[in-house]
Amino acid sequence: MSNIPFQTIDWTTIEKVEYKGETGLAYWQTVQFEGLRIRLVEYSSGYLADHWCQKGHIVHCLEGEFISELSTGEKIKLNEGETYIVSDELSSHRSVTAGGVKLLIIDGDFLKLG
């Protein structure tokens, strides 16, 4: 990972890209650095991810609430103001929300198993 000079991110200037879930829609705004990805992600009401993810993330709930379903059957609810963190390959998870949610998601090389 390279050094990142001090900077701000004006999310209003970052393009929103739409992704379809199994149900509902996700909108990603992504800033990519070498070995680091920062996203502002919004899931619509009734969103269910269309895949199980094994990538590590730091996920902070900015607005609303959602459930992270784990492949083990466990369901973890994240409310506004709460954060979860997991390293790559340590869980198989997917997101679901009834009422919609806005998240800040950070992932990158620092979450790889080592």
C-alpha atoms as a PDB file:
ATOM      1  CA  MET A   1       0.000   0.000   0.000  1.00  0.00           C
ATOM      2  CA  SER A   2       1.354   3.437  -0.873  1.00  0.00           C
ATOM      3  CA  ASN A   3       1.232   6.555   1.275  1.00  0.00           C
ATOM      4  CA  ILE A   4      -1.927   8.647   0.994  1.00  0.00           C
ATOM      5  CA  PRO A   5      -1.454  12.405   1.330  1.00  0.00           C
ATOM      6  CA  PHE A   6      -3.923  14.416   3.407  1.00  0.00           C
ATOM      7  CA  GLN A   7      -7.105  14.907   1.434  1.00  0.00           C
ATOM      8  CA  THR A   8     -10.835  15.185   1.760  1.00  0.00           C
ATOM      9  CA  ILE A   9     -13.512  13.240  -0.104  1.00  0.00           C
ATOM     10  CA  ASP A  10     -16.480  15.196  -1.436  1.00  0.00           C
ATOM     11  CA  TRP A  11     -18.965  12.352  -1.832  1.00  0.00           C
ATOM     12  CA  THR A  12     -21.279  14.593  -3.881  1.00  0.00           C
ATOM     13  CA  THR A  13     -18.707  14.425  -6.701  1.00  0.00           C
ATOM     14  CA  ILE A  14     -18.321  10.621  -6.660  1.00  0.00           C
ATOM     15  CA  GLU A  15     -20.465   8.734  -9.180  1.00  0.00           C
ATOM     16  CA  LYS A  16     -23.147   6.398  -7.788  1.00  0.00           C
ATOM     17  CA  VAL A  17     -23.069   2.978  -9.422  1.00  0.00           C
ATOM     18  CA  GLU A  18     -26.147   0.758  -9.149  1.00  0.00           C
ATOM     19  CA  TYR A  19     -25.908  -2.961  -8.368  1.00  0.00           C
ATOM     20  CA  LYS A  20     -28.884  -5.301  -8.249  1.00  0.00           C
ATOM     21  CA  GLY A  21     -29.289  -7.546  -5.237  1.00  0.00           C
ATOM     22  CA  GLU A  22     -31.250 -10.762  -5.129  1.00  0.00           C
ATOM     23  CA  THR A  23     -33.943  -8.273  -4.148  1.00  0.00           C
ATOM     24  CA  GLY A  24     -33.593  -4.489  -4.013  1.00  0.00           C
ATOM     25  CA  LEU A  25     -30.745  -2.281  -5.158  1.00  0.00           C
ATOM     26  CA  ALA A  26     -27.330  -1.189  -3.890  1.00  0.00           C
ATOM     27  CA  TYR A  27     -25.691   2.125  -4.796  1.00  0.00           C
ATOM     28  CA  TRP A  28     -21.915   2.360  -4.405  1.00  0.00           C
ATOM     29  CA  GLN A  29     -19.735   5.444  -4.424  1.00  0.00           C
ATOM     30  CA  THR A  30     -16.133   4.241  -4.470  1.00  0.00           C
ATOM     31  CA  VAL A  31     -12.755   5.841  -3.864  1.00  0.00           C
ATOM     32  CA  GLN A  32      -9.898   3.489  -4.727  1.00  0.00           C
ATOM     33  CA  PHE A  33      -6.288   3.762  -3.569  1.00  0.00           C
ATOM     34  CA  GLU A  34      -3.526   1.189  -3.944  1.00  0.00           C
ATOM     35  CA  GLY A  35      -4.515  -1.585  -1.531  1.00  0.00           C
ATOM     36  CA  LEU A  36      -7.421   0.402  -0.025  1.00  0.00           C
ATOM     37  CA  ARG A  37     -11.056   0.872  -1.066  1.00  0.00           C
ATOM     38  CA  ILE A  38     -13.459   3.283   0.641  1.00  0.00           C
ATOM     39  CA  ARG A  39     -17.141   3.139  -0.256  1.00  0.00           C
ATOM     40  CA  LEU A  40     -20.324   4.945   0.657  1.00  0.00           C
ATOM     41  CA  VAL A  41     -22.994   2.285   0.093  1.00  0.00           C
ATOM     42  CA  GLU A  42     -26.770   2.587   0.214  1.00  0.00           C
ATOM     43  CA  TYR A  43     -29.092  -0.411   0.171  1.00  0.00           C
ATOM     44  CA  SER A  44     -32.721   0.150  -0.797  1.00  0.00           C
ATOM     45  CA  SER A  45     -35.634  -1.105   1.264  1.00  0.00           C
ATOM     46  CA  GLY A  46     -36.034  -4.847   0.825  1.00  0.00           C
ATOM     47  CA  TYR A  47     -32.383  -5.380  -0.177  1.00  0.00           C
ATOM     48  CA  LEU A  48     -30.844  -8.855  -0.044  1.00  0.00           C
ATOM     49  CA  ALA A  49     -27.307  -9.346  -1.386  1.00  0.00           C
ATOM     50  CA  ASP A  50     -27.072 -11.649  -4.398  1.00  0.00           C
ATOM     51  CA  HIS A  51     -23.919 -13.395  -3.123  1.00  0.00           C
ATOM     52  CA  TRP A  52     -22.085 -14.552  -0.006  1.00  0.00           C
ATOM     53  CA  CYS A  53     -18.973 -12.448   0.600  1.00  0.00           C
ATOM     54  CA  GLN A  54     -15.746 -13.669   2.196  1.00  0.00           C
ATOM     55  CA  LYS A  55     -13.883 -10.381   1.890  1.00  0.00           C
ATOM     56  CA  GLY A  56     -12.866  -8.524   5.018  1.00  0.00           C
ATOM     57  CA  HIS A  57     -14.461  -5.158   5.766  1.00  0.00           C
ATOM     58  CA  ILE A  58     -14.827  -2.411   8.275  1.00  0.00           C
ATOM     59  CA  VAL A  59     -18.516  -1.491   8.033  1.00  0.00           C
ATOM     60  CA  HIS A  60     -19.962   1.550   9.818  1.00  0.00           C
ATOM     61  CA  CYS A  61     -23.724   2.131   9.755  1.00  0.00           C
ATOM     62  CA  LEU A  62     -24.420   5.809   9.045  1.00  0.00           C
ATOM     63  CA  GLU A  63     -28.220   5.673   8.706  1.00  0.00           C
ATOM     64  CA  GLY A  64     -30.832   2.969   9.216  1.00  0.00           C
ATOM     65  CA  GLU A  65     -30.104  -0.628  10.161  1.00  0.00           C
ATOM     66  CA  PHE A  66     -29.338  -3.938   8.504  1.00  0.00           C
ATOM     67  CA  ILE A  67     -28.581  -7.560   9.214  1.00  0.00           C
ATOM     68  CA  SER A  68     -25.379  -9.368   8.322  1.00  0.00           C
ATOM     69  CA  GLU A  69     -26.355 -12.967   7.742  1.00  0.00           C
ATOM     70  CA  LEU A  70     -23.518 -15.423   8.236  1.00  0.00           C
ATOM     71  CA  SER A  71     -23.415 -18.735   6.387  1.00  0.00           C
ATOM     72  CA  THR A  72     -23.494 -20.392   9.827  1.00  0.00           C
ATOM     73  CA  GLY A  73     -27.076 -19.134  10.208  1.00  0.00           C
ATOM     74  CA  GLU A  74     -26.139 -16.419  12.703  1.00  0.00           C
ATOM     75  CA  LYS A  75     -27.730 -13.001  12.094  1.00  0.00           C
ATOM     76  CA  ILE A  76     -26.031  -9.865  13.396  1.00  0.00           C
ATOM     77  CA  LYS A  77     -27.996  -6.621  13.452  1.00  0.00           C
ATOM     78  CA  LEU A  78     -26.092  -3.368  12.963  1.00  0.00           C
ATOM     79  CA  ASN A  79     -27.828  -0.144  13.966  1.00  0.00           C
ATOM     80  CA  GLU A  80     -26.990   3.455  13.134  1.00  0.00           C
ATOM     81  CA  GLY A  81     -23.698   4.403  14.808  1.00  0.00           C
ATOM     82  CA  GLU A  82     -22.432   0.809  15.103  1.00  0.00           C
ATOM     83  CA  THR A  83     -19.474  -0.808  13.334  1.00  0.00           C
ATOM     84  CA  TYR A  84     -18.312  -4.318  12.554  1.00  0.00           C
ATOM     85  CA  ILE A  85     -14.929  -5.552  11.376  1.00  0.00           C
ATOM     86  CA  VAL A  86     -13.801  -8.889   9.939  1.00  0.00           C
ATOM     87  CA  SER A  87     -10.664 -10.044   8.118  1.00  0.00           C
ATOM     88  CA  ASP A  88     -10.670 -11.734   4.704  1.00  0.00           C
ATOM     89  CA  GLU A  89     -11.771 -15.392   4.646  1.00  0.00           C
ATOM     90  CA  LEU A  90     -12.952 -15.409   8.300  1.00  0.00           C
ATOM     91  CA  SER A  91     -16.679 -15.386   7.549  1.00  0.00           C
ATOM     92  CA  SER A  92     -19.088 -15.868   4.710  1.00  0.00           C
ATOM     93  CA  HIS A  93     -21.643 -13.078   5.025  1.00  0.00           C
ATOM     94  CA  ARG A  94     -24.305 -11.167   3.139  1.00  0.00           C
ATOM     95  CA  SER A  95     -26.381  -8.069   3.888  1.00  0.00           C
ATOM     96  CA  VAL A  96     -30.138  -7.728   4.148  1.00  0.00           C
ATOM     97  CA  THR A  97     -32.234  -4.709   5.110  1.00  0.00           C
ATOM     98  CA  ALA A  98     -35.979  -4.209   5.372  1.00  0.00           C
ATOM     99  CA  GLY A  99     -36.006  -0.419   5.526  1.00  0.00           C
ATOM    100  CA  GLY A 100     -32.819   0.614   3.733  1.00  0.00           C
ATOM    101  CA  VAL A 101     -29.438   1.622   5.103  1.00  0.00           C
ATOM    102  CA  LYS A 102     -26.442   3.875   4.385  1.00  0.00           C
ATOM    103  CA  LEU A 103     -22.979   2.489   5.180  1.00  0.00           C
ATOM    104  CA  LEU A 104     -19.343   3.511   5.097  1.00  0.00           C
ATOM    105  CA  ILE A 105     -17.315   0.441   4.085  1.00  0.00           C
ATOM    106  CA  ILE A 106     -13.514   0.254   4.151  1.00  0.00           C
ATOM    107  CA  ASP A 107     -11.558  -2.731   2.921  1.00  0.00           C
ATOM    108  CA  GLY A 108      -8.153  -3.496   1.554  1.00  0.00           C
ATOM    109  CA  ASP A 109      -4.884  -5.374   1.853  1.00  0.00           C
ATOM    110  CA  PHE A 110      -4.623  -4.665   5.608  1.00  0.00           C
ATOM    111  CA  LEU A 111      -7.496  -7.133   6.194  1.00  0.00           C
ATOM    112  CA  LYS A 112      -5.800 -10.086   4.463  1.00  0.00           C
ATOM    113  CA  LEU A 113      -4.938 -13.045   6.649  1.00  0.00           C
ATOM    114  CA  GLY A 114      -1.266 -13.019   7.437  1.00  0.00           C
END
